[in-house]
Amino acid sequence: MFGPVNGVLDLIFWLLSVGALILSAWALIHAIRIPKSAFPAAGKQTKPLWLVILGFATLFTFAAAVRYLTPLSIFTIAAVIAAGIYLADVKPAVNGYRKGGGNQGPYGPW
């Protein structure tokens, strides 16, 4: 009686888990590409700390996507929050410090 509804909900939660995995992997890849000195220069936590946080976030969201964790576990929710904080707060602050950026003018590097 409840089979099709359960299947649809499982699909929705799996898609949310895959979306969370993509979000945290995107944040981790961005943090890897930014130079170490950019984080303190932008007034943020250090790069190694963000790499650890985002590494665990990616691990937990991967575990949720392959069904080792439930999609609504506290670890998955914390992972999405951590990746969201990085992408919304830290990423814009450190974007100007990419490798090879040189001196930044109002219209880009010069």
PDB file of N, CA and C in Angstrom:
ATOM      1  N   MET A   1       0.813  -1.192   0.000  1.00  0.00           N
ATOM      2  CA  MET A   1       0.000   0.000   0.000  1.00  0.00           C
ATOM      3  C   MET A   1       0.863   1.267   0.000  1.00  0.00           C
ATOM      4  N   PHE A   2       1.932   1.300   0.777  1.00  0.00           N
ATOM      5  CA  PHE A   2       2.773   2.490   0.867  1.00  0.00           C
ATOM      6  C   PHE A   2       4.035   2.368   0.033  1.00  0.00           C
ATOM      7  N   GLY A   3       4.151   1.349  -0.815  1.00  0.00           N
ATOM      8  CA  GLY A   3       5.354   1.107  -1.605  1.00  0.00           C
ATOM      9  C   GLY A   3       5.741   2.230  -2.539  1.00  0.00           C
ATOM     10  N   PRO A   4       4.862   2.686  -3.440  1.00  0.00           N
ATOM     11  CA  PRO A   4       5.258   3.734  -4.389  1.00  0.00           C
ATOM     12  C   PRO A   4       5.618   5.045  -3.723  1.00  0.00           C
ATOM     13  N   VAL A   5       4.903   5.405  -2.675  1.00  0.00           N
ATOM     14  CA  VAL A   5       5.212   6.655  -1.972  1.00  0.00           C
ATOM     15  C   VAL A   5       6.590   6.551  -1.329  1.00  0.00           C
ATOM     16  N   ASN A   6       6.869   5.412  -0.732  1.00  0.00           N
ATOM     17  CA  ASN A   6       8.172   5.213  -0.112  1.00  0.00           C
ATOM     18  C   ASN A   6       9.282   5.276  -1.150  1.00  0.00           C
ATOM     19  N   GLY A   7       9.056   4.726  -2.324  1.00  0.00           N
ATOM     20  CA  GLY A   7      10.050   4.764  -3.387  1.00  0.00           C
ATOM     21  C   GLY A   7      10.317   6.182  -3.870  1.00  0.00           C
ATOM     22  N   VAL A   8       9.273   6.988  -3.980  1.00  0.00           N
ATOM     23  CA  VAL A   8       9.435   8.379  -4.408  1.00  0.00           C
ATOM     24  C   VAL A   8      10.196   9.169  -3.351  1.00  0.00           C
ATOM     25  N   LEU A   9       9.850   8.964  -2.090  1.00  0.00           N
ATOM     26  CA  LEU A   9      10.557   9.669  -1.012  1.00  0.00           C
ATOM     27  C   LEU A   9      12.019   9.251  -0.937  1.00  0.00           C
ATOM     28  N   ASP A  10      12.280   7.970  -1.126  1.00  0.00           N
ATOM     29  CA  ASP A  10      13.672   7.514  -1.154  1.00  0.00           C
ATOM     30  C   ASP A  10      14.445   8.179  -2.276  1.00  0.00           C
ATOM     31  N   LEU A  11      13.822   8.304  -3.443  1.00  0.00           N
ATOM     32  CA  LEU A  11      14.467   8.961  -4.572  1.00  0.00           C
ATOM     33  C   LEU A  11      14.741  10.435  -4.274  1.00  0.00           C
ATOM     34  N   ILE A  12      13.780  11.111  -3.669  1.00  0.00           N
ATOM     35  CA  ILE A  12      13.954  12.531  -3.322  1.00  0.00           C
ATOM     36  C   ILE A  12      15.100  12.704  -2.326  1.00  0.00           C
ATOM     37  N   PHE A  13      15.142  11.862  -1.291  1.00  0.00           N
ATOM     38  CA  PHE A  13      16.206  11.978  -0.305  1.00  0.00           C
ATOM     39  C   PHE A  13      17.566  11.606  -0.900  1.00  0.00           C
ATOM     40  N   TRP A  14      17.600  10.657  -1.825  1.00  0.00           N
ATOM     41  CA  TRP A  14      18.863  10.319  -2.478  1.00  0.00           C
ATOM     42  C   TRP A  14      19.344  11.482  -3.338  1.00  0.00           C
ATOM     43  N   LEU A  15      18.426  12.119  -4.062  1.00  0.00           N
ATOM     44  CA  LEU A  15      18.805  13.287  -4.869  1.00  0.00           C
ATOM     45  C   LEU A  15      19.310  14.435  -3.991  1.00  0.00           C
ATOM     46  N   LEU A  16      18.681  14.632  -2.844  1.00  0.00           N
ATOM     47  CA  LEU A  16      19.169  15.648  -1.904  1.00  0.00           C
ATOM     48  C   LEU A  16      20.567  15.295  -1.390  1.00  0.00           C
ATOM     49  N   SER A  17      20.809  14.021  -1.146  1.00  0.00           N
ATOM     50  CA  SER A  17      22.132  13.586  -0.686  1.00  0.00           C
ATOM     51  C   SER A  17      23.191  13.808  -1.757  1.00  0.00           C
ATOM     52  N   VAL A  18      22.854  13.514  -3.002  1.00  0.00           N
ATOM     53  CA  VAL A  18      23.799  13.740  -4.096  1.00  0.00           C
ATOM     54  C   VAL A  18      24.057  15.244  -4.255  1.00  0.00           C
ATOM     55  N   GLY A  19      23.020  16.060  -4.115  1.00  0.00           N
ATOM     56  CA  GLY A  19      23.200  17.509  -4.166  1.00  0.00           C
ATOM     57  C   GLY A  19      24.101  18.013  -3.052  1.00  0.00           C
ATOM     58  N   ALA A  20      23.938  17.461  -1.858  1.00  0.00           N
ATOM     59  CA  ALA A  20      24.800  17.841  -0.737  1.00  0.00           C
ATOM     60  C   ALA A  20      26.243  17.420  -0.991  1.00  0.00           C
ATOM     61  N   LEU A  21      26.433  16.260  -1.611  1.00  0.00           N
ATOM     62  CA  LEU A  21      27.781  15.801  -1.955  1.00  0.00           C
ATOM     63  C   LEU A  21      28.430  16.744  -2.966  1.00  0.00           C
ATOM     64  N   ILE A  22      27.680  17.151  -3.965  1.00  0.00           N
ATOM     65  CA  ILE A  22      28.216  18.086  -4.963  1.00  0.00           C
ATOM     66  C   ILE A  22      28.572  19.419  -4.317  1.00  0.00           C
ATOM     67  N   LEU A  23      27.727  19.904  -3.426  1.00  0.00           N
ATOM     68  CA  LEU A  23      27.969  21.172  -2.729  1.00  0.00           C
ATOM     69  C   LEU A  23      29.252  21.115  -1.910  1.00  0.00           C
ATOM     70  N   SER A  24      29.412  20.065  -1.110  1.00  0.00           N
ATOM     71  CA  SER A  24      30.597  19.979  -0.256  1.00  0.00           C
ATOM     72  C   SER A  24      31.858  19.694  -1.068  1.00  0.00           C
ATOM     73  N   ALA A  25      31.748  18.914  -2.141  1.00  0.00           N
ATOM     74  CA  ALA A  25      32.924  18.667  -2.989  1.00  0.00           C
ATOM     75  C   ALA A  25      33.349  19.953  -3.695  1.00  0.00           C
ATOM     76  N   TRP A  26      32.389  20.750  -4.135  1.00  0.00           N
ATOM     77  CA  TRP A  26      32.691  22.037  -4.771  1.00  0.00           C
ATOM     78  C   TRP A  26      33.441  22.946  -3.801  1.00  0.00           C
ATOM     79  N   ALA A  27      32.967  23.005  -2.551  1.00  0.00           N
ATOM     80  CA  ALA A  27      33.631  23.836  -1.539  1.00  0.00           C
ATOM     81  C   ALA A  27      35.044  23.322  -1.253  1.00  0.00           C
ATOM     82  N   LEU A  28      35.207  22.000  -1.157  1.00  0.00           N
ATOM     83  CA  LEU A  28      36.524  21.428  -0.886  1.00  0.00           C
ATOM     84  C   LEU A  28      37.500  21.707  -2.033  1.00  0.00           C
ATOM     85  N   ILE A  29      37.061  21.535  -3.262  1.00  0.00           N
ATOM     86  CA  ILE A  29      37.929  21.791  -4.418  1.00  0.00           C
ATOM     87  C   ILE A  29      38.326  23.262  -4.478  1.00  0.00           C
ATOM     88  N   HIS A  30      37.394  24.138  -4.178  1.00  0.00           N
ATOM     89  CA  HIS A  30      37.723  25.566  -4.169  1.00  0.00           C
ATOM     90  C   HIS A  30      38.756  25.878  -3.087  1.00  0.00           C
ATOM     91  N   ALA A  31      38.580  25.303  -1.901  1.00  0.00           N
ATOM     92  CA  ALA A  31      39.523  25.559  -0.805  1.00  0.00           C
ATOM     93  C   ALA A  31      40.910  25.031  -1.131  1.00  0.00           C
ATOM     94  N   ILE A  32      40.996  23.932  -1.846  1.00  0.00           N
ATOM     95  CA  ILE A  32      42.295  23.381  -2.229  1.00  0.00           C
ATOM     96  C   ILE A  32      43.010  24.318  -3.197  1.00  0.00           C
ATOM     97  N   ARG A  33      42.265  24.960  -4.083  1.00  0.00           N
ATOM     98  CA  ARG A  33      42.856  25.795  -5.134  1.00  0.00           C
ATOM     99  C   ARG A  33      43.307  27.178  -4.644  1.00  0.00           C
ATOM    100  N   ILE A  34      42.845  27.609  -3.489  1.00  0.00           N
ATOM    101  CA  ILE A  34      43.181  28.940  -2.978  1.00  0.00           C
ATOM    102  C   ILE A  34      44.490  28.862  -2.187  1.00  0.00           C
ATOM    103  N   PRO A  35      45.394  29.831  -2.338  1.00  0.00           N
ATOM    104  CA  PRO A  35      46.661  29.807  -1.586  1.00  0.00           C
ATOM    105  C   PRO A  35      46.436  29.924  -0.075  1.00  0.00           C
ATOM    106  N   LYS A  36      47.367  29.358   0.657  1.00  0.00           N
ATOM    107  CA  LYS A  36      47.266  29.313   2.113  1.00  0.00           C
ATOM    108  C   LYS A  36      47.223  30.707   2.735  1.00  0.00           C
ATOM    109  N   SER A  37      47.943  31.643   2.167  1.00  0.00           N
ATOM    110  CA  SER A  37      48.020  32.986   2.744  1.00  0.00           C
ATOM    111  C   SER A  37      46.740  33.794   2.536  1.00  0.00           C
ATOM    112  N   ALA A  38      45.867  33.354   1.661  1.00  0.00           N
ATOM    113  CA  ALA A  38      44.647  34.115   1.365  1.00  0.00           C
ATOM    114  C   ALA A  38      43.668  34.101   2.530  1.00  0.00           C
ATOM    115  N   PHE A  39      43.651  33.027   3.287  1.00  0.00           N
ATOM    116  CA  PHE A  39      42.664  32.902   4.356  1.00  0.00           C
ATOM    117  C   PHE A  39      42.901  33.903   5.481  1.00  0.00           C
ATOM    118  N   PRO A  40      44.129  33.978   6.056  1.00  0.00           N
ATOM    119  CA  PRO A  40      44.333  35.005   7.092  1.00  0.00           C
ATOM    120  C   PRO A  40      44.269  36.419   6.529  1.00  0.00           C
ATOM    121  N   ALA A  41      44.685  36.595   5.273  1.00  0.00           N
ATOM    122  CA  ALA A  41      44.635  37.931   4.669  1.00  0.00           C
ATOM    123  C   ALA A  41      43.199  38.418   4.526  1.00  0.00           C
ATOM    124  N   ALA A  42      42.271  37.489   4.333  1.00  0.00           N
ATOM    125  CA  ALA A  42      40.860  37.849   4.216  1.00  0.00           C
ATOM    126  C   ALA A  42      40.159  37.864   5.573  1.00  0.00           C
ATOM    127  N   GLY A  43      40.902  37.556   6.639  1.00  0.00           N
ATOM    128  CA  GLY A  43      40.318  37.574   7.974  1.00  0.00           C
ATOM    129  C   GLY A  43      39.487  36.337   8.287  1.00  0.00           C
ATOM    130  N   LYS A  44      39.818  35.207   7.670  1.00  0.00           N
ATOM    131  CA  LYS A  44      39.077  33.958   7.873  1.00  0.00           C
ATOM    132  C   LYS A  44      39.957  32.950   8.594  1.00  0.00           C
ATOM    133  N   GLN A  45      39.377  31.818   8.959  1.00  0.00           N
ATOM    134  CA  GLN A  45      40.137  30.742   9.591  1.00  0.00           C
ATOM    135  C   GLN A  45      41.188  30.232   8.609  1.00  0.00           C
ATOM    136  N   THR A  46      42.142  29.447   9.113  1.00  0.00           N
ATOM    137  CA  THR A  46      43.252  28.990   8.286  1.00  0.00           C
ATOM    138  C   THR A  46      42.809  27.958   7.252  1.00  0.00           C
ATOM    139  N   LYS A  47      43.614  27.821   6.222  1.00  0.00           N
ATOM    140  CA  LYS A  47      43.316  26.869   5.158  1.00  0.00           C
ATOM    141  C   LYS A  47      43.294  25.425   5.671  1.00  0.00           C
ATOM    142  N   PRO A  48      44.274  24.986   6.490  1.00  0.00           N
ATOM    143  CA  PRO A  48      44.207  23.601   6.965  1.00  0.00           C
ATOM    144  C   PRO A  48      42.928  23.295   7.751  1.00  0.00           C
ATOM    145  N   LEU A  49      42.463  24.261   8.540  1.00  0.00           N
ATOM    146  CA  LEU A  49      41.218  24.027   9.282  1.00  0.00           C
ATOM    147  C   LEU A  49      40.042  23.869   8.333  1.00  0.00           C
ATOM    148  N   TRP A  50      39.954  24.721   7.314  1.00  0.00           N
ATOM    149  CA  TRP A  50      38.861  24.609   6.350  1.00  0.00           C
ATOM    150  C   TRP A  50      38.968  23.324   5.547  1.00  0.00           C
ATOM    151  N   LEU A  51      40.175  22.882   5.233  1.00  0.00           N
ATOM    152  CA  LEU A  51      40.330  21.627   4.508  1.00  0.00           C
ATOM    153  C   LEU A  51      39.861  20.437   5.335  1.00  0.00           C
ATOM    154  N   VAL A  52      40.134  20.457   6.623  1.00  0.00           N
ATOM    155  CA  VAL A  52      39.663  19.380   7.499  1.00  0.00           C
ATOM    156  C   VAL A  52      38.138  19.411   7.591  1.00  0.00           C
ATOM    157  N   ILE A  53      37.571  20.584   7.829  1.00  0.00           N
ATOM    158  CA  ILE A  53      36.118  20.709   7.942  1.00  0.00           C
ATOM    159  C   ILE A  53      35.438  20.258   6.653  1.00  0.00           C
ATOM    160  N   LEU A  54      35.917  20.754   5.523  1.00  0.00           N
ATOM    161  CA  LEU A  54      35.283  20.411   4.256  1.00  0.00           C
ATOM    162  C   LEU A  54      35.589  18.978   3.827  1.00  0.00           C
ATOM    163  N   GLY A  55      36.715  18.442   4.234  1.00  0.00           N
ATOM    164  CA  GLY A  55      37.009  17.032   3.971  1.00  0.00           C
ATOM    165  C   GLY A  55      36.029  16.124   4.692  1.00  0.00           C
ATOM    166  N   PHE A  56      35.787  16.410   5.971  1.00  0.00           N
ATOM    167  CA  PHE A  56      34.793  15.625   6.708  1.00  0.00           C
ATOM    168  C   PHE A  56      33.382  15.848   6.148  1.00  0.00           C
ATOM    169  N   ALA A  57      33.083  17.065   5.734  1.00  0.00           N
ATOM    170  CA  ALA A  57      31.772  17.338   5.139  1.00  0.00           C
ATOM    171  C   ALA A  57      31.574  16.512   3.879  1.00  0.00           C
ATOM    172  N   THR A  58      32.601  16.443   3.040  1.00  0.00           N
ATOM    173  CA  THR A  58      32.502  15.649   1.825  1.00  0.00           C
ATOM    174  C   THR A  58      32.388  14.161   2.150  1.00  0.00           C
ATOM    175  N   LEU A  59      33.122  13.705   3.142  1.00  0.00           N
ATOM    176  CA  LEU A  59      33.042  12.307   3.559  1.00  0.00           C
ATOM    177  C   LEU A  59      31.636  11.959   4.050  1.00  0.00           C
ATOM    178  N   PHE A  60      31.064  12.802   4.894  1.00  0.00           N
ATOM    179  CA  PHE A  60      29.733  12.519   5.433  1.00  0.00           C
ATOM    180  C   PHE A  60      28.652  12.588   4.356  1.00  0.00           C
ATOM    181  N   THR A  61      28.760  13.535   3.439  1.00  0.00           N
ATOM    182  CA  THR A  61      27.756  13.602   2.386  1.00  0.00           C
ATOM    183  C   THR A  61      27.921  12.453   1.388  1.00  0.00           C
ATOM    184  N   PHE A  62      29.158  12.008   1.180  1.00  0.00           N
ATOM    185  CA  PHE A  62      29.363  10.815   0.345  1.00  0.00           C
ATOM    186  C   PHE A  62      28.724   9.600   1.003  1.00  0.00           C
ATOM    187  N   ALA A  63      28.914   9.466   2.309  1.00  0.00           N
ATOM    188  CA  ALA A  63      28.315   8.340   3.034  1.00  0.00           C
ATOM    189  C   ALA A  63      26.789   8.387   2.967  1.00  0.00           C
ATOM    190  N   ALA A  64      26.221   9.573   2.983  1.00  0.00           N
ATOM    191  CA  ALA A  64      24.767   9.688   2.868  1.00  0.00           C
ATOM    192  C   ALA A  64      24.306   9.338   1.460  1.00  0.00           C
ATOM    193  N   ALA A  65      25.100   9.697   0.455  1.00  0.00           N
ATOM    194  CA  ALA A  65      24.714   9.429  -0.931  1.00  0.00           C
ATOM    195  C   ALA A  65      24.775   7.943  -1.263  1.00  0.00           C
ATOM    196  N   VAL A  66      25.686   7.217  -0.625  1.00  0.00           N
ATOM    197  CA  VAL A  66      25.773   5.775  -0.889  1.00  0.00           C
ATOM    198  C   VAL A  66      25.065   4.963   0.184  1.00  0.00           C
ATOM    199  N   ARG A  67      24.307   5.633   1.012  1.00  0.00           N
ATOM    200  CA  ARG A  67      23.407   5.015   1.992  1.00  0.00           C
ATOM    201  C   ARG A  67      24.087   4.400   3.211  1.00  0.00           C
ATOM    202  N   TYR A  68      25.273   4.858   3.570  1.00  0.00           N
ATOM    203  CA  TYR A  68      25.853   4.433   4.844  1.00  0.00           C
ATOM    204  C   TYR A  68      25.283   5.262   5.988  1.00  0.00           C
ATOM    205  N   LEU A  69      24.871   6.473   5.704  1.00  0.00           N
ATOM    206  CA  LEU A  69      24.198   7.348   6.661  1.00  0.00           C
ATOM    207  C   LEU A  69      22.821   7.689   6.111  1.00  0.00           C
ATOM    208  N   THR A  70      21.901   7.977   6.994  1.00  0.00           N
ATOM    209  CA  THR A  70      20.616   8.454   6.504  1.00  0.00           C
ATOM    210  C   THR A  70      20.775   9.893   6.050  1.00  0.00           C
ATOM    211  N   PRO A  71      20.049  10.317   5.030  1.00  0.00           N
ATOM    212  CA  PRO A  71      20.218  11.679   4.510  1.00  0.00           C
ATOM    213  C   PRO A  71      19.942  12.772   5.539  1.00  0.00           C
ATOM    214  N   LEU A  72      19.135  12.482   6.533  1.00  0.00           N
ATOM    215  CA  LEU A  72      18.815  13.496   7.529  1.00  0.00           C
ATOM    216  C   LEU A  72      19.562  13.289   8.845  1.00  0.00           C
ATOM    217  N   SER A  73      20.709  12.606   8.805  1.00  0.00           N
ATOM    218  CA  SER A  73      21.481  12.446  10.032  1.00  0.00           C
ATOM    219  C   SER A  73      22.106  13.790  10.425  1.00  0.00           C
ATOM    220  N   ILE A  74      22.481  13.906  11.665  1.00  0.00           N
ATOM    221  CA  ILE A  74      23.050  15.153  12.166  1.00  0.00           C
ATOM    222  C   ILE A  74      24.372  15.464  11.469  1.00  0.00           C
ATOM    223  N   PHE A  75      25.123  14.426  11.077  1.00  0.00           N
ATOM    224  CA  PHE A  75      26.396  14.636  10.389  1.00  0.00           C
ATOM    225  C   PHE A  75      26.188  15.207   8.991  1.00  0.00           C
ATOM    226  N   THR A  76      25.178  14.714   8.298  1.00  0.00           N
ATOM    227  CA  THR A  76      24.893  15.222   6.960  1.00  0.00           C
ATOM    228  C   THR A  76      24.414  16.663   7.014  1.00  0.00           C
ATOM    229  N   ILE A  77      23.566  16.955   7.973  1.00  0.00           N
ATOM    230  CA  ILE A  77      23.064  18.324   8.124  1.00  0.00           C
ATOM    231  C   ILE A  77      24.211  19.270   8.477  1.00  0.00           C
ATOM    232  N   ALA A  78      25.083  18.854   9.402  1.00  0.00           N
ATOM    233  CA  ALA A  78      26.243  19.684   9.764  1.00  0.00           C
ATOM    234  C   ALA A  78      27.181  19.868   8.577  1.00  0.00           C
ATOM    235  N   ALA A  79      27.327  18.842   7.747  1.00  0.00           N
ATOM    236  CA  ALA A  79      28.186  18.942   6.567  1.00  0.00           C
ATOM    237  C   ALA A  79      27.645  19.962   5.580  1.00  0.00           C
ATOM    238  N   VAL A  80      26.342  19.962   5.369  1.00  0.00           N
ATOM    239  CA  VAL A  80      25.734  20.924   4.441  1.00  0.00           C
ATOM    240  C   VAL A  80      25.869  22.344   4.993  1.00  0.00           C
ATOM    241  N   ILE A  81      25.699  22.503   6.293  1.00  0.00           N
ATOM    242  CA  ILE A  81      25.848  23.820   6.912  1.00  0.00           C
ATOM    243  C   ILE A  81      27.289  24.313   6.761  1.00  0.00           C
ATOM    244  N   ALA A  82      28.273  23.436   7.010  1.00  0.00           N
ATOM    245  CA  ALA A  82      29.686  23.828   6.891  1.00  0.00           C
ATOM    246  C   ALA A  82      30.033  24.230   5.455  1.00  0.00           C
ATOM    247  N   ALA A  83      29.589  23.443   4.492  1.00  0.00           N
ATOM    248  CA  ALA A  83      29.862  23.782   3.087  1.00  0.00           C
ATOM    249  C   ALA A  83      29.146  25.064   2.695  1.00  0.00           C
ATOM    250  N   GLY A  84      27.945  25.265   3.206  1.00  0.00           N
ATOM    251  CA  GLY A  84      27.206  26.489   2.912  1.00  0.00           C
ATOM    252  C   GLY A  84      27.886  27.720   3.489  1.00  0.00           C
ATOM    253  N   ILE A  85      28.400  27.606   4.701  1.00  0.00           N
ATOM    254  CA  ILE A  85      29.118  28.728   5.311  1.00  0.00           C
ATOM    255  C   ILE A  85      30.369  29.048   4.500  1.00  0.00           C
ATOM    256  N   TYR A  86      31.089  28.008   4.089  1.00  0.00           N
ATOM    257  CA  TYR A  86      32.293  28.258   3.284  1.00  0.00           C
ATOM    258  C   TYR A  86      31.938  28.968   1.986  1.00  0.00           C
ATOM    259  N   LEU A  87      30.946  28.447   1.275  1.00  0.00           N
ATOM    260  CA  LEU A  87      30.610  29.009  -0.033  1.00  0.00           C
ATOM    261  C   LEU A  87      29.998  30.401   0.065  1.00  0.00           C
ATOM    262  N   ALA A  88      29.266  30.678   1.130  1.00  0.00           N
ATOM    263  CA  ALA A  88      28.600  31.974   1.252  1.00  0.00           C
ATOM    264  C   ALA A  88      29.482  33.049   1.883  1.00  0.00           C
ATOM    265  N   ASP A  89      30.403  32.653   2.766  1.00  0.00           N
ATOM    266  CA  ASP A  89      31.185  33.642   3.505  1.00  0.00           C
ATOM    267  C   ASP A  89      32.663  33.646   3.128  1.00  0.00           C
ATOM    268  N   VAL A  90      33.286  32.496   3.149  1.00  0.00           N
ATOM    269  CA  VAL A  90      34.734  32.424   2.957  1.00  0.00           C
ATOM    270  C   VAL A  90      35.101  32.545   1.477  1.00  0.00           C
ATOM    271  N   LYS A  91      34.413  31.841   0.610  1.00  0.00           N
ATOM    272  CA  LYS A  91      34.741  31.848  -0.820  1.00  0.00           C
ATOM    273  C   LYS A  91      34.760  33.254  -1.408  1.00  0.00           C
ATOM    274  N   PRO A  92      33.736  34.097  -1.181  1.00  0.00           N
ATOM    275  CA  PRO A  92      33.816  35.455  -1.740  1.00  0.00           C
ATOM    276  C   PRO A  92      34.976  36.273  -1.174  1.00  0.00           C
ATOM    277  N   ALA A  93      35.327  36.018   0.084  1.00  0.00           N
ATOM    278  CA  ALA A  93      36.399  36.797   0.705  1.00  0.00           C
ATOM    279  C   ALA A  93      37.772  36.430   0.163  1.00  0.00           C
ATOM    280  N   VAL A  94      37.979  35.157  -0.177  1.00  0.00           N
ATOM    281  CA  VAL A  94      39.305  34.721  -0.612  1.00  0.00           C
ATOM    282  C   VAL A  94      39.434  34.608  -2.124  1.00  0.00           C
ATOM    283  N   ASN A  95      38.386  34.859  -2.868  1.00  0.00           N
ATOM    284  CA  ASN A  95      38.436  34.722  -4.329  1.00  0.00           C
ATOM    285  C   ASN A  95      39.464  35.635  -4.974  1.00  0.00           C
ATOM    286  N   GLY A  96      39.726  36.776  -4.404  1.00  0.00           N
ATOM    287  CA  GLY A  96      40.681  37.703  -4.993  1.00  0.00           C
ATOM    288  C   GLY A  96      42.123  37.277  -4.841  1.00  0.00           C
ATOM    289  N   TYR A  97      42.379  36.193  -4.128  1.00  0.00           N
ATOM    290  CA  TYR A  97      43.743  35.761  -3.846  1.00  0.00           C
ATOM    291  C   TYR A  97      44.129  34.505  -4.609  1.00  0.00           C
ATOM    292  N   ARG A  98      43.489  34.249  -5.733  1.00  0.00           N
ATOM    293  CA  ARG A  98      43.809  33.049  -6.520  1.00  0.00           C
ATOM    294  C   ARG A  98      45.253  33.090  -6.977  1.00  0.00           C
ATOM    295  N   LYS A  99      45.807  31.908  -7.219  1.00  0.00           N
ATOM    296  CA  LYS A  99      47.196  31.805  -7.695  1.00  0.00           C
ATOM    297  C   LYS A  99      47.333  32.495  -9.032  1.00  0.00           C
ATOM    298  N   GLY A 100      48.406  33.261  -9.176  1.00  0.00           N
ATOM    299  CA  GLY A 100      48.676  33.935 -10.430  1.00  0.00           C
ATOM    300  C   GLY A 100      47.846  35.174 -10.647  1.00  0.00           C
ATOM    301  N   GLY A 101      47.117  35.599  -9.622  1.00  0.00           N
ATOM    302  CA  GLY A 101      46.268  36.770  -9.774  1.00  0.00           C
ATOM    303  C   GLY A 101      47.050  38.060  -9.847  1.00  0.00           C
ATOM    304  N   GLY A 102      48.214  38.098  -9.254  1.00  0.00           N
ATOM    305  CA  GLY A 102      49.015  39.321  -9.261  1.00  0.00           C
ATOM    306  C   GLY A 102      48.318  40.432  -8.509  1.00  0.00           C
ATOM    307  N   ASN A 103      48.600  41.651  -8.897  1.00  0.00           N
ATOM    308  CA  ASN A 103      47.939  42.797  -8.289  1.00  0.00           C
ATOM    309  C   ASN A 103      46.535  42.927  -8.848  1.00  0.00           C
ATOM    310  N   GLN A 104      45.591  43.188  -7.976  1.00  0.00           N
ATOM    311  CA  GLN A 104      44.209  43.280  -8.398  1.00  0.00           C
ATOM    312  C   GLN A 104      43.809  44.737  -8.549  1.00  0.00           C
ATOM    313  N   GLY A 105      43.324  45.082  -9.710  1.00  0.00           N
ATOM    314  CA  GLY A 105      42.789  46.408  -9.954  1.00  0.00           C
ATOM    315  C   GLY A 105      41.263  46.353  -9.966  1.00  0.00           C
ATOM    316  N   PRO A 106      40.613  47.440 -10.250  1.00  0.00           N
ATOM    317  CA  PRO A 106      39.163  47.435 -10.231  1.00  0.00           C
ATOM    318  C   PRO A 106      38.545  46.575 -11.332  1.00  0.00           C
ATOM    319  N   TYR A 107      39.312  46.260 -12.385  1.00  0.00           N
ATOM    320  CA  TYR A 107      38.784  45.467 -13.493  1.00  0.00           C
ATOM    321  C   TYR A 107      39.513  44.153 -13.660  1.00  0.00           C
ATOM    322  N   GLY A 108      40.254  43.722 -12.631  1.00  0.00           N
ATOM    323  CA  GLY A 108      40.975  42.473 -12.704  1.00  0.00           C
ATOM    324  C   GLY A 108      42.456  42.668 -12.472  1.00  0.00           C
ATOM    325  N   PRO A 109      43.266  41.630 -12.743  1.00  0.00           N
ATOM    326  CA  PRO A 109      44.706  41.725 -12.485  1.00  0.00           C
ATOM    327  C   PRO A 109      45.400  42.680 -13.458  1.00  0.00           C
ATOM    328  N   TRP A 110      46.472  43.295 -12.974  1.00  0.00           N
ATOM    329  CA  TRP A 110      47.287  44.166 -13.825  1.00  0.00           C
ATOM    330  C   TRP A 110      48.742  43.913 -13.582  1.00  0.00           C
TER     331      TRP A 110
END
